[in-house]
Amino acid sequence: MALAALFGCDSTATEADVAIASADGGTADGTAAMSDATGSEPIRREGELTDAEIVLRPATCGNGVCDPGREDCRICPQDCGICKSCGDDVCDAKSETCQTCPQDCGACLWCGNGICDRNLGEDCSSCGPDCGHCATCGDRVCEPNRGESCFTCPDDCGDCPACGDGRCKGNEDCSSCSKDCGSCAVCGNAKCEPYETCINCEDDCGPCPSLGCAEMWACTQKCGDVTGNPPHFKASCLAACVALGCADVELLYDNIIRCAESAGNETATLCANQIAACNAAMCPSR
């Protein structure tokens, strides 16, 4: 069931429109959890949510005040603290889901794509890899009553016991254990972080300059030896260099690469026509 249909054909539902999902799959107003469009229950892993069960935090969540009747440890751990059962390494189907306790249930399937999607209920407590740590994290004070734990805020609370063994395993992710899983790159937080570039996150790193043929060739020289016989290079690096060129230059540069694959160390001679055509192409300025 699409989220737009679930919330009255408006995916930007207001605080009053949002029904909080209950532990048994129903909602706070008694509406039963919906299945998909075919009428059958979608296949999901333990703790995974259907669209009807996604919890959208109230607008007041994150203001530091646990609002009785609207917020609790499941709905807003940032204000009300972490539920007592969360963190015991057991995903309790009656009170925990991938969204409300990723430490026990693992991150939701959509978490980790680099986009902090509020329409999927993602926020700093449910999906650190996409949304980053909550605002209070980083003040060197571990505050469980603000939703902090070794999993949600290792900077303040220290690493969880399994973190640091060199293996990214179990429910560990880049947010909860960067020592094992590497650094997160959250696109859209106004910081050009490791692994982000103008290619994969223009919002944070700014637009890429359009490279001409000579600049693209200089870029690809760092990817390996494309003139070897046979040529050897990192395909991902080569693709990133080519992606920086404008469309006209990309096509002509592809011709050079195809020629170089067979010409080897005689590329300069045997591919002279392709190189000349590429050098003559101009990219429009951005």
Protein backbone atom coordinates (compact mmCIF):
# COMPACT_ATOMS: atom_id res chain seq x y z
CA MET A 1 0.00 0.00 0.00
CA ALA A 2 1.54 3.30 -1.02
CA LEU A 3 2.25 5.77 1.72
CA ALA A 4 0.31 8.48 -0.11
CA ALA A 5 -2.81 6.33 -0.05
CA LEU A 6 -2.23 5.42 3.59
CA PHE A 7 -2.17 9.04 4.69
CA GLY A 8 -5.06 10.37 2.65
CA CYS A 9 -3.26 10.75 -0.71
CA ASP A 10 -0.86 13.25 0.83
CA SER A 11 2.59 11.95 1.73
CA THR A 12 3.23 15.18 3.64
CA ALA A 13 0.66 14.38 6.29
CA THR A 14 0.54 16.76 9.23
CA GLU A 15 1.11 15.76 12.83
CA ALA A 16 -2.61 15.34 13.41
CA ASP A 17 -2.97 13.10 10.36
CA VAL A 18 -0.38 10.57 11.48
CA ALA A 19 -1.61 7.47 13.33
CA ILE A 20 1.01 5.89 15.56
CA ALA A 21 1.51 2.19 14.85
CA SER A 22 0.86 -0.18 17.72
CA ALA A 23 2.94 -3.22 18.55
CA ASP A 24 0.44 -5.69 17.10
CA GLY A 25 0.41 -4.03 13.67
CA GLY A 26 -2.73 -1.93 14.25
CA THR A 27 -2.76 1.83 14.74
CA ALA A 28 -3.57 4.00 17.70
CA ASP A 29 -7.05 4.68 16.33
CA GLY A 30 -7.81 0.95 15.98
CA THR A 31 -7.25 0.67 12.23
CA ALA A 32 -5.79 -2.69 11.28
CA ALA A 33 -2.39 -2.83 9.59
CA MET A 34 -2.77 -2.87 5.82
CA SER A 35 -1.30 -5.46 3.48
CA ASP A 36 0.04 -4.76 0.02
CA ALA A 37 -2.06 -4.07 -3.09
CA THR A 38 -2.49 -7.76 -3.86
CA GLY A 39 -4.10 -8.42 -0.50
CA SER A 40 -1.30 -10.72 0.62
CA GLU A 41 1.16 -10.02 3.40
CA PRO A 42 4.53 -9.02 1.86
CA ILE A 43 7.56 -11.13 2.66
CA ARG A 44 9.62 -9.41 5.33
CA ARG A 45 12.29 -10.27 7.83
CA GLU A 46 11.91 -10.25 11.61
CA GLY A 47 11.20 -6.73 12.81
CA GLU A 48 10.60 -5.37 9.29
CA LEU A 49 7.75 -2.93 8.77
CA THR A 50 4.95 -2.73 6.25
CA ASP A 51 3.94 0.71 4.96
CA ALA A 52 0.99 0.70 7.36
CA GLU A 53 3.26 0.12 10.36
CA ILE A 54 5.76 2.88 9.66
CA VAL A 55 5.97 5.31 12.56
CA LEU A 56 6.16 8.96 11.59
CA ARG A 57 7.44 10.92 14.55
CA PRO A 58 5.21 13.74 15.87
CA ALA A 59 6.37 17.21 14.92
CA THR A 60 7.31 17.78 18.58
CA CYS A 61 9.76 14.87 18.62
CA GLY A 62 13.25 16.15 19.24
CA ASN A 63 12.32 19.18 21.34
CA GLY A 64 13.68 17.58 24.52
CA VAL A 65 10.27 17.16 26.17
CA CYS A 66 8.47 13.79 26.36
CA ASP A 67 4.90 14.77 25.55
CA PRO A 68 2.52 12.41 27.46
CA GLY A 69 -0.15 10.88 25.25
CA ARG A 70 1.73 11.66 22.04
CA GLU A 71 5.24 10.39 22.67
CA ASP A 72 6.81 7.44 24.43
CA CYS A 73 10.07 5.46 24.21
CA ARG A 74 8.90 3.73 21.01
CA ILE A 75 7.61 6.82 19.25
CA CYS A 76 10.32 9.30 20.24
CA PRO A 77 13.37 7.93 22.07
CA GLN A 78 15.12 11.29 21.57
CA ASP A 79 12.68 12.87 24.06
CA CYS A 80 11.50 9.89 26.14
CA GLY A 81 14.61 7.73 26.32
CA ILE A 82 15.29 4.24 25.02
CA CYS A 83 12.82 1.50 25.90
CA LYS A 84 14.16 -0.82 28.59
CA SER A 85 14.03 -3.88 26.35
CA CYS A 86 16.04 -2.21 23.56
CA GLY A 87 19.68 -3.20 23.69
CA ASP A 88 19.29 -6.76 25.01
CA ASP A 89 20.19 -8.28 21.60
CA VAL A 90 16.68 -9.77 21.27
CA CYS A 91 14.18 -8.32 18.79
CA ASP A 92 10.94 -8.43 20.78
CA ALA A 93 8.17 -8.61 18.18
CA LYS A 94 5.66 -7.23 20.68
CA SER A 95 7.49 -3.99 21.37
CA GLU A 96 10.41 -3.58 18.94
CA THR A 97 10.87 -3.17 15.19
CA CYS A 98 13.75 -2.28 12.88
CA GLN A 99 12.58 1.32 13.15
CA THR A 100 12.11 1.63 16.91
CA CYS A 101 15.10 -0.50 17.98
CA PRO A 102 17.63 -1.11 15.17
CA GLN A 103 20.16 -2.16 17.82
CA ASP A 104 18.19 -5.38 18.43
CA CYS A 105 16.26 -5.80 15.16
CA GLY A 106 18.77 -4.45 12.65
CA ALA A 107 18.29 -1.49 10.36
CA CYS A 108 15.23 -1.37 8.09
CA LEU A 109 15.86 -2.48 4.52
CA TRP A 110 15.56 1.06 3.16
CA CYS A 111 18.13 2.39 5.67
CA GLY A 112 21.59 2.85 4.23
CA ASN A 113 20.79 4.33 0.81
CA GLY A 114 22.23 7.72 1.77
CA ILE A 115 18.86 9.48 1.83
CA CYS A 116 17.19 10.48 5.09
CA ASP A 117 13.58 9.88 4.02
CA ARG A 118 11.11 11.32 6.54
CA ASN A 119 8.20 9.75 4.62
CA LEU A 120 9.63 6.35 5.56
CA GLY A 121 9.91 7.38 9.19
CA GLU A 122 13.70 7.75 9.11
CA ASP A 123 15.37 10.02 11.62
CA CYS A 124 18.56 10.14 13.67
CA SER A 125 17.37 7.44 16.09
CA SER A 126 16.02 4.96 13.54
CA CYS A 127 18.63 5.30 10.78
CA GLY A 128 21.96 6.84 11.68
CA PRO A 129 23.64 5.82 8.38
CA ASP A 130 21.22 8.05 6.41
CA CYS A 131 20.30 10.76 8.93
CA GLY A 132 23.44 11.07 11.05
CA HIS A 133 23.58 11.19 14.83
CA CYS A 134 21.02 13.13 16.85
CA ALA A 135 21.80 16.72 17.85
CA THR A 136 22.75 15.88 21.45
CA CYS A 137 25.30 13.29 20.33
CA GLY A 138 28.85 14.59 20.51
CA ASP A 139 28.68 16.55 23.77
CA ARG A 140 30.67 13.82 25.58
CA VAL A 141 27.73 13.08 27.91
CA CYS A 142 25.87 9.75 27.45
CA GLU A 143 22.18 10.52 27.95
CA PRO A 144 19.96 7.39 27.76
CA ASN A 145 16.94 9.56 28.55
CA ARG A 146 17.63 11.36 25.26
CA GLY A 147 17.83 8.13 23.26
CA GLU A 148 21.61 7.75 23.41
CA SER A 149 23.33 4.39 23.74
CA CYS A 150 26.49 2.72 22.50
CA PHE A 151 24.58 1.96 19.30
CA THR A 152 22.97 5.34 18.60
CA CYS A 153 25.81 7.51 19.94
CA PRO A 154 29.17 5.75 20.37
CA ASP A 155 30.88 9.17 20.53
CA ASP A 156 29.27 9.83 23.92
CA CYS A 157 28.50 6.33 25.23
CA GLY A 158 31.49 4.39 23.97
CA ASP A 159 31.54 1.45 21.59
CA CYS A 160 29.22 -1.51 22.00
CA PRO A 161 31.04 -4.67 23.22
CA ALA A 162 31.39 -6.29 19.78
CA CYS A 163 32.58 -3.11 18.06
CA GLY A 164 36.28 -3.01 17.27
CA ASP A 165 36.91 -6.66 16.40
CA GLY A 166 37.55 -5.77 12.75
CA ARG A 167 34.36 -7.39 11.44
CA CYS A 168 31.20 -5.51 10.50
CA LYS A 169 28.69 -8.09 11.65
CA GLY A 170 25.31 -8.50 13.28
CA ASN A 171 23.44 -5.20 13.47
CA GLU A 172 26.55 -3.02 13.29
CA ASP A 173 26.58 -0.25 10.71
CA CYS A 174 28.73 2.75 9.83
CA SER A 175 26.88 4.91 12.37
CA SER A 176 27.04 2.54 15.33
CA CYS A 177 30.53 1.14 14.66
CA SER A 178 32.71 3.03 12.20
CA LYS A 179 35.76 1.09 13.44
CA ASP A 180 34.41 -2.09 11.85
CA CYS A 181 32.06 -0.77 9.16
CA GLY A 182 33.81 2.38 7.93
CA SER A 183 32.62 5.98 7.89
CA CYS A 184 29.10 7.00 6.89
CA ALA A 185 28.52 9.45 4.08
CA VAL A 186 25.16 11.15 4.59
CA CYS A 187 24.11 12.98 1.42
CA GLY A 188 22.05 16.07 2.14
CA ASN A 189 23.56 17.20 5.45
CA ALA A 190 25.54 20.09 3.88
CA LYS A 191 28.88 18.34 4.56
CA CYS A 192 31.01 16.83 1.81
CA GLU A 193 32.10 13.74 3.72
CA PRO A 194 34.40 10.81 2.88
CA TYR A 195 33.06 8.77 -0.05
CA GLU A 196 30.92 11.73 -1.22
CA THR A 197 31.84 13.53 -4.42
CA CYS A 198 30.27 15.98 -6.81
CA ILE A 199 29.17 12.91 -8.80
CA ASN A 200 27.22 11.02 -6.13
CA CYS A 201 26.21 13.96 -3.89
CA GLU A 202 26.04 17.31 -5.64
CA ASP A 203 23.93 18.76 -2.78
CA ASP A 204 26.85 18.48 -0.34
CA CYS A 205 29.90 18.72 -2.60
CA GLY A 206 28.66 21.12 -5.26
CA PRO A 207 28.37 20.61 -9.03
CA CYS A 208 31.16 18.92 -10.93
CA PRO A 209 33.09 20.96 -13.48
CA SER A 210 32.67 19.76 -17.05
CA LEU A 211 35.96 18.27 -18.17
CA GLY A 212 37.29 18.42 -21.69
CA CYS A 213 39.04 15.53 -23.37
CA ALA A 214 42.55 16.40 -22.15
CA GLU A 215 41.37 16.72 -18.53
CA MET A 216 39.51 13.41 -18.73
CA TRP A 217 42.63 11.72 -20.10
CA ALA A 218 44.72 13.14 -17.23
CA CYS A 219 42.10 11.88 -14.76
CA THR A 220 42.13 8.34 -16.15
CA GLN A 221 45.93 8.10 -15.94
CA LYS A 222 45.44 7.75 -12.18
CA CYS A 223 43.22 4.69 -12.70
CA GLY A 224 45.94 2.35 -13.98
CA ASP A 225 47.71 1.80 -17.28
CA VAL A 226 45.18 2.12 -20.09
CA THR A 227 47.99 1.94 -22.67
CA GLY A 228 49.41 -1.37 -21.45
CA ASN A 229 49.15 -4.52 -23.50
CA PRO A 230 46.67 -5.61 -22.35
CA PRO A 231 45.47 -2.44 -20.57
CA HIS A 232 44.66 -2.71 -16.88
CA PHE A 233 42.77 -0.19 -14.80
CA LYS A 234 40.07 0.19 -12.15
CA ALA A 235 36.74 0.32 -13.98
CA SER A 236 35.05 2.34 -11.21
CA CYS A 237 37.80 4.99 -11.35
CA LEU A 238 37.60 5.17 -15.13
CA ALA A 239 33.81 5.54 -15.02
CA ALA A 240 34.09 8.38 -12.47
CA CYS A 241 36.50 10.27 -14.74
CA VAL A 242 34.31 9.85 -17.80
CA ALA A 243 31.23 10.96 -15.83
CA LEU A 244 32.87 14.35 -15.31
CA GLY A 245 32.85 15.11 -19.05
CA CYS A 246 30.03 16.61 -21.04
CA ALA A 247 27.98 14.32 -23.29
CA ASP A 248 29.82 15.14 -26.53
CA VAL A 249 33.23 14.52 -25.00
CA GLU A 250 32.09 11.32 -23.24
CA LEU A 251 31.14 9.74 -26.58
CA LEU A 252 34.42 10.69 -28.25
CA TYR A 253 36.44 9.62 -25.23
CA ASP A 254 34.75 6.22 -25.28
CA ASN A 255 36.07 5.86 -28.82
CA ILE A 256 39.61 6.44 -27.54
CA ILE A 257 39.23 3.85 -24.78
CA ARG A 258 37.87 1.24 -27.19
CA CYS A 259 40.77 1.92 -29.56
CA ALA A 260 43.33 1.82 -26.73
CA GLU A 261 42.09 -1.59 -25.59
CA SER A 262 43.42 -3.11 -28.81
CA ALA A 263 46.24 -0.66 -29.59
CA GLY A 264 47.99 -1.07 -26.25
CA ASN A 265 51.30 0.83 -26.07
CA GLU A 266 50.78 2.11 -29.64
CA THR A 267 47.67 4.06 -28.65
CA ALA A 268 49.20 7.46 -29.51
CA THR A 269 49.82 6.33 -33.11
CA LEU A 270 46.96 3.97 -33.89
CA CYS A 271 44.31 6.09 -32.14
CA ALA A 272 45.51 9.49 -33.33
CA ASN A 273 42.27 10.26 -35.21
CA GLN A 274 40.10 9.45 -32.17
CA ILE A 275 42.32 11.55 -29.90
CA ALA A 276 42.22 14.52 -32.29
CA ALA A 277 38.43 14.39 -32.56
CA CYS A 278 38.06 14.27 -28.78
CA ASN A 279 40.46 17.18 -28.22
CA ALA A 280 38.50 19.29 -30.70
CA ALA A 281 35.23 18.83 -28.80
CA MET A 282 34.23 21.58 -26.40
CA CYS A 283 32.14 21.32 -23.24
CA PRO A 284 29.66 24.10 -22.46
CA SER A 285 30.49 25.95 -19.26
CA ARG A 286 28.15 25.37 -16.30
